[in-house]
């Protein structure tokens, strides 16, 4: 999730991306996403098991910000909101 192009980034893992993105988009969860307006789904990666998703999340949280921006822009160069594409 992001507040906008090159804005605040939030990285997390979930077993239901559409539901979690909906919660963040609508400010239903207190925390970083609500405080900083991270309402855009700009990148995601599917995993077969939640454990794999969690491991990837923890790995990426150690990355430099530029690596995260590069990863987003490889999938979504224009930083479009990908939430509608989930349906």
N, C-alpha and C. Protein backbone atom coordinates (compact mmCIF):
# COMPACT_ATOMS: atom_id res chain seq x y z
N UNK A 1 0.86 -1.17 0.00
CA UNK A 1 0.00 0.00 0.00
C UNK A 1 0.91 1.23 0.00
N UNK A 2 0.40 2.30 -0.61
CA UNK A 2 1.18 3.54 -0.67
C UNK A 2 0.23 4.73 -0.57
N UNK A 3 0.79 5.84 -0.12
CA UNK A 3 0.00 7.08 -0.05
C UNK A 3 -0.03 7.77 -1.41
N UNK A 4 0.90 7.44 -2.27
CA UNK A 4 1.01 8.02 -3.61
C UNK A 4 2.35 7.66 -4.19
N UNK A 5 2.59 8.11 -5.39
CA UNK A 5 3.87 7.81 -6.04
C UNK A 5 5.02 8.32 -5.17
N UNK A 6 5.93 7.42 -4.83
CA UNK A 6 7.09 7.74 -4.00
C UNK A 6 6.72 8.27 -2.62
N UNK A 7 5.50 8.00 -2.17
CA UNK A 7 5.05 8.45 -0.86
C UNK A 7 5.37 7.42 0.21
N UNK A 8 4.59 7.44 1.26
CA UNK A 8 4.75 6.48 2.35
C UNK A 8 4.36 5.09 1.85
N UNK A 9 5.17 4.09 2.19
CA UNK A 9 4.93 2.72 1.79
C UNK A 9 4.56 1.88 3.00
N UNK A 10 3.67 0.93 2.80
CA UNK A 10 3.32 -0.05 3.83
C UNK A 10 3.46 -1.42 3.21
N UNK A 11 4.11 -2.30 3.90
CA UNK A 11 4.33 -3.66 3.43
C UNK A 11 3.77 -4.63 4.46
N UNK A 12 2.93 -5.55 4.01
CA UNK A 12 2.34 -6.52 4.92
C UNK A 12 2.02 -7.80 4.19
N UNK A 13 1.53 -8.78 4.93
CA UNK A 13 1.10 -10.04 4.32
C UNK A 13 -0.28 -10.38 4.86
N UNK A 14 -1.04 -11.10 4.05
CA UNK A 14 -2.40 -11.46 4.40
C UNK A 14 -2.83 -12.69 3.62
N UNK A 15 -3.83 -13.37 4.12
CA UNK A 15 -4.40 -14.51 3.38
C UNK A 15 -5.58 -14.06 2.52
N UNK A 16 -6.00 -12.79 2.63
CA UNK A 16 -7.11 -12.26 1.84
C UNK A 16 -6.78 -10.83 1.41
N UNK A 17 -6.09 -10.71 0.29
CA UNK A 17 -5.61 -9.41 -0.16
C UNK A 17 -6.74 -8.42 -0.41
N UNK A 18 -7.79 -8.84 -1.06
CA UNK A 18 -8.89 -7.92 -1.36
C UNK A 18 -9.50 -7.35 -0.09
N UNK A 19 -9.75 -8.20 0.90
CA UNK A 19 -10.34 -7.73 2.16
C UNK A 19 -9.39 -6.80 2.91
N UNK A 20 -8.12 -7.16 2.97
CA UNK A 20 -7.16 -6.33 3.69
C UNK A 20 -6.97 -4.98 3.00
N UNK A 21 -6.87 -4.99 1.67
CA UNK A 21 -6.73 -3.74 0.93
C UNK A 21 -7.96 -2.86 1.15
N UNK A 22 -9.15 -3.45 1.17
CA UNK A 22 -10.38 -2.71 1.43
C UNK A 22 -10.31 -2.02 2.80
N UNK A 23 -9.85 -2.75 3.79
CA UNK A 23 -9.73 -2.18 5.14
C UNK A 23 -8.79 -0.98 5.15
N UNK A 24 -7.65 -1.12 4.51
CA UNK A 24 -6.68 -0.01 4.47
C UNK A 24 -7.22 1.17 3.67
N UNK A 25 -7.84 0.89 2.52
CA UNK A 25 -8.38 1.95 1.66
C UNK A 25 -9.43 2.80 2.37
N UNK A 26 -10.17 2.17 3.23
CA UNK A 26 -11.28 2.84 3.89
C UNK A 26 -10.97 3.27 5.32
N UNK A 27 -9.71 3.21 5.71
CA UNK A 27 -9.28 3.67 7.03
C UNK A 27 -9.88 2.89 8.17
N UNK A 28 -10.15 1.60 7.96
CA UNK A 28 -10.79 0.77 8.98
C UNK A 28 -9.79 0.18 9.97
N UNK A 29 -8.51 0.33 9.70
CA UNK A 29 -7.48 -0.21 10.57
C UNK A 29 -6.61 0.94 11.09
N UNK A 30 -6.49 1.02 12.39
CA UNK A 30 -5.60 2.03 12.97
C UNK A 30 -4.15 1.65 12.68
N UNK A 31 -3.32 2.64 12.61
CA UNK A 31 -1.90 2.37 12.41
C UNK A 31 -1.31 3.21 11.30
N UNK A 32 -0.19 2.76 10.77
CA UNK A 32 0.58 3.50 9.78
C UNK A 32 -0.24 3.85 8.54
N UNK A 33 -0.99 2.89 8.00
CA UNK A 33 -1.72 3.16 6.77
C UNK A 33 -2.77 4.23 6.95
N UNK A 34 -3.45 4.22 8.06
CA UNK A 34 -4.47 5.24 8.33
C UNK A 34 -3.82 6.59 8.59
N UNK A 35 -2.78 6.60 9.40
CA UNK A 35 -2.09 7.85 9.76
C UNK A 35 -1.49 8.55 8.55
N UNK A 36 -0.94 7.77 7.61
CA UNK A 36 -0.23 8.34 6.47
C UNK A 36 -1.02 8.27 5.16
N UNK A 37 -2.27 7.81 5.22
CA UNK A 37 -3.10 7.79 4.03
C UNK A 37 -2.67 6.79 2.97
N UNK A 38 -2.18 5.65 3.40
CA UNK A 38 -1.76 4.61 2.45
C UNK A 38 -3.00 3.86 1.99
N UNK A 39 -3.58 4.33 0.89
CA UNK A 39 -4.84 3.78 0.41
C UNK A 39 -4.73 3.13 -0.96
N UNK A 40 -3.57 3.22 -1.59
CA UNK A 40 -3.39 2.69 -2.94
C UNK A 40 -2.65 1.35 -2.90
N UNK A 41 -3.22 0.35 -3.53
CA UNK A 41 -2.53 -0.92 -3.69
C UNK A 41 -1.67 -0.80 -4.94
N UNK A 42 -0.37 -0.68 -4.77
CA UNK A 42 0.51 -0.43 -5.92
C UNK A 42 1.38 -1.64 -6.29
N UNK A 43 1.40 -2.67 -5.46
CA UNK A 43 2.20 -3.86 -5.74
C UNK A 43 1.69 -4.99 -4.86
N UNK A 44 1.76 -6.19 -5.39
CA UNK A 44 1.49 -7.38 -4.57
C UNK A 44 2.17 -8.57 -5.21
N UNK A 45 2.32 -9.60 -4.41
CA UNK A 45 2.95 -10.84 -4.88
C UNK A 45 2.20 -11.99 -4.24
N UNK A 46 1.74 -12.93 -5.06
CA UNK A 46 1.01 -14.09 -4.55
C UNK A 46 1.94 -15.18 -4.05
N UNK A 47 1.47 -15.91 -3.06
CA UNK A 47 2.19 -17.07 -2.51
C UNK A 47 1.18 -18.18 -2.25
N UNK A 48 1.63 -19.40 -2.34
CA UNK A 48 0.75 -20.55 -2.09
C UNK A 48 0.41 -20.71 -0.62
N UNK A 49 1.35 -20.34 0.23
CA UNK A 49 1.16 -20.50 1.68
C UNK A 49 1.45 -19.17 2.37
N UNK A 50 0.74 -18.89 3.45
CA UNK A 50 0.92 -17.64 4.20
C UNK A 50 2.32 -17.56 4.79
N UNK A 51 2.92 -18.71 5.10
CA UNK A 51 4.28 -18.70 5.65
C UNK A 51 5.27 -18.12 4.64
N UNK A 52 5.10 -18.47 3.38
CA UNK A 52 5.96 -17.93 2.33
C UNK A 52 5.77 -16.43 2.17
N UNK A 53 4.51 -16.00 2.26
CA UNK A 53 4.22 -14.58 2.17
C UNK A 53 4.84 -13.82 3.33
N UNK A 54 4.74 -14.37 4.51
CA UNK A 54 5.30 -13.72 5.70
C UNK A 54 6.83 -13.65 5.61
N UNK A 55 7.45 -14.71 5.13
CA UNK A 55 8.90 -14.71 4.98
C UNK A 55 9.34 -13.64 3.98
N UNK A 56 8.60 -13.51 2.87
CA UNK A 56 8.92 -12.49 1.87
C UNK A 56 8.74 -11.09 2.45
N UNK A 57 7.67 -10.90 3.22
CA UNK A 57 7.43 -9.60 3.88
C UNK A 57 8.62 -9.23 4.76
N UNK A 58 9.05 -10.15 5.59
CA UNK A 58 10.15 -9.87 6.51
C UNK A 58 11.44 -9.59 5.74
N UNK A 59 11.65 -10.31 4.64
CA UNK A 59 12.83 -10.08 3.81
C UNK A 59 12.78 -8.66 3.23
N UNK A 60 11.66 -8.29 2.66
CA UNK A 60 11.54 -6.99 2.00
C UNK A 60 11.59 -5.83 2.98
N UNK A 61 11.15 -6.04 4.20
CA UNK A 61 11.20 -4.96 5.19
C UNK A 61 12.65 -4.58 5.53
N UNK A 62 13.59 -5.45 5.23
CA UNK A 62 15.00 -5.16 5.45
C UNK A 62 15.63 -4.42 4.27
N UNK A 63 14.92 -4.36 3.17
CA UNK A 63 15.44 -3.74 1.95
C UNK A 63 15.55 -2.23 2.09
N UNK A 64 16.44 -1.66 1.31
CA UNK A 64 16.52 -0.21 1.17
C UNK A 64 15.27 0.26 0.44
N UNK A 65 14.85 1.47 0.73
CA UNK A 65 13.65 2.03 0.11
C UNK A 65 13.73 1.98 -1.42
N UNK A 66 14.88 2.31 -1.99
CA UNK A 66 15.01 2.32 -3.45
C UNK A 66 14.74 0.95 -4.05
N UNK A 67 15.14 -0.11 -3.38
CA UNK A 67 14.87 -1.46 -3.88
C UNK A 67 13.36 -1.70 -3.93
N UNK A 68 12.66 -1.22 -2.92
CA UNK A 68 11.20 -1.38 -2.90
C UNK A 68 10.55 -0.58 -4.04
N UNK A 69 11.01 0.65 -4.25
CA UNK A 69 10.48 1.47 -5.33
C UNK A 69 10.73 0.81 -6.69
N UNK A 70 11.90 0.26 -6.88
CA UNK A 70 12.23 -0.42 -8.13
C UNK A 70 11.33 -1.63 -8.34
N UNK A 71 11.07 -2.38 -7.28
CA UNK A 71 10.20 -3.55 -7.37
C UNK A 71 8.78 -3.14 -7.74
N UNK A 72 8.28 -2.09 -7.12
CA UNK A 72 6.95 -1.58 -7.46
C UNK A 72 6.91 -1.18 -8.93
N UNK A 73 7.89 -0.43 -9.38
CA UNK A 73 7.87 0.12 -10.73
C UNK A 73 8.10 -0.94 -11.81
N UNK A 74 8.67 -2.08 -11.45
CA UNK A 74 8.79 -3.17 -12.42
C UNK A 74 7.41 -3.74 -12.74
N UNK A 75 6.54 -3.81 -11.74
CA UNK A 75 5.19 -4.34 -11.93
C UNK A 75 4.20 -3.25 -12.33
N UNK A 76 4.41 -2.05 -11.81
CA UNK A 76 3.42 -0.99 -11.93
C UNK A 76 4.14 0.35 -12.15
N UNK A 77 4.70 0.56 -13.34
CA UNK A 77 5.54 1.75 -13.58
C UNK A 77 4.81 3.08 -13.39
N UNK A 78 3.51 3.10 -13.55
CA UNK A 78 2.74 4.34 -13.41
C UNK A 78 2.06 4.48 -12.05
N UNK A 79 2.31 3.56 -11.17
CA UNK A 79 1.76 3.59 -9.81
C UNK A 79 0.23 3.65 -9.82
N UNK A 80 -0.39 2.87 -10.72
CA UNK A 80 -1.85 2.80 -10.74
C UNK A 80 -2.32 2.05 -9.49
N UNK A 81 -3.53 2.36 -9.04
CA UNK A 81 -4.14 1.63 -7.95
C UNK A 81 -4.58 0.27 -8.51
N UNK A 82 -4.01 -0.80 -8.01
CA UNK A 82 -4.29 -2.15 -8.51
C UNK A 82 -5.49 -2.81 -7.85
N UNK A 83 -6.06 -2.15 -6.86
CA UNK A 83 -7.20 -2.75 -6.15
C UNK A 83 -8.32 -3.18 -7.10
N UNK A 84 -8.76 -2.34 -8.04
CA UNK A 84 -9.85 -2.77 -8.93
C UNK A 84 -9.50 -4.01 -9.76
N UNK A 85 -8.23 -4.26 -10.01
CA UNK A 85 -7.84 -5.42 -10.81
C UNK A 85 -7.98 -6.73 -10.04
N UNK A 86 -8.24 -6.67 -8.75
CA UNK A 86 -8.39 -7.88 -7.95
C UNK A 86 -9.73 -8.55 -8.20
N UNK A 87 -10.65 -7.85 -8.85
CA UNK A 87 -12.01 -8.36 -9.05
C UNK A 87 -12.33 -8.62 -10.50
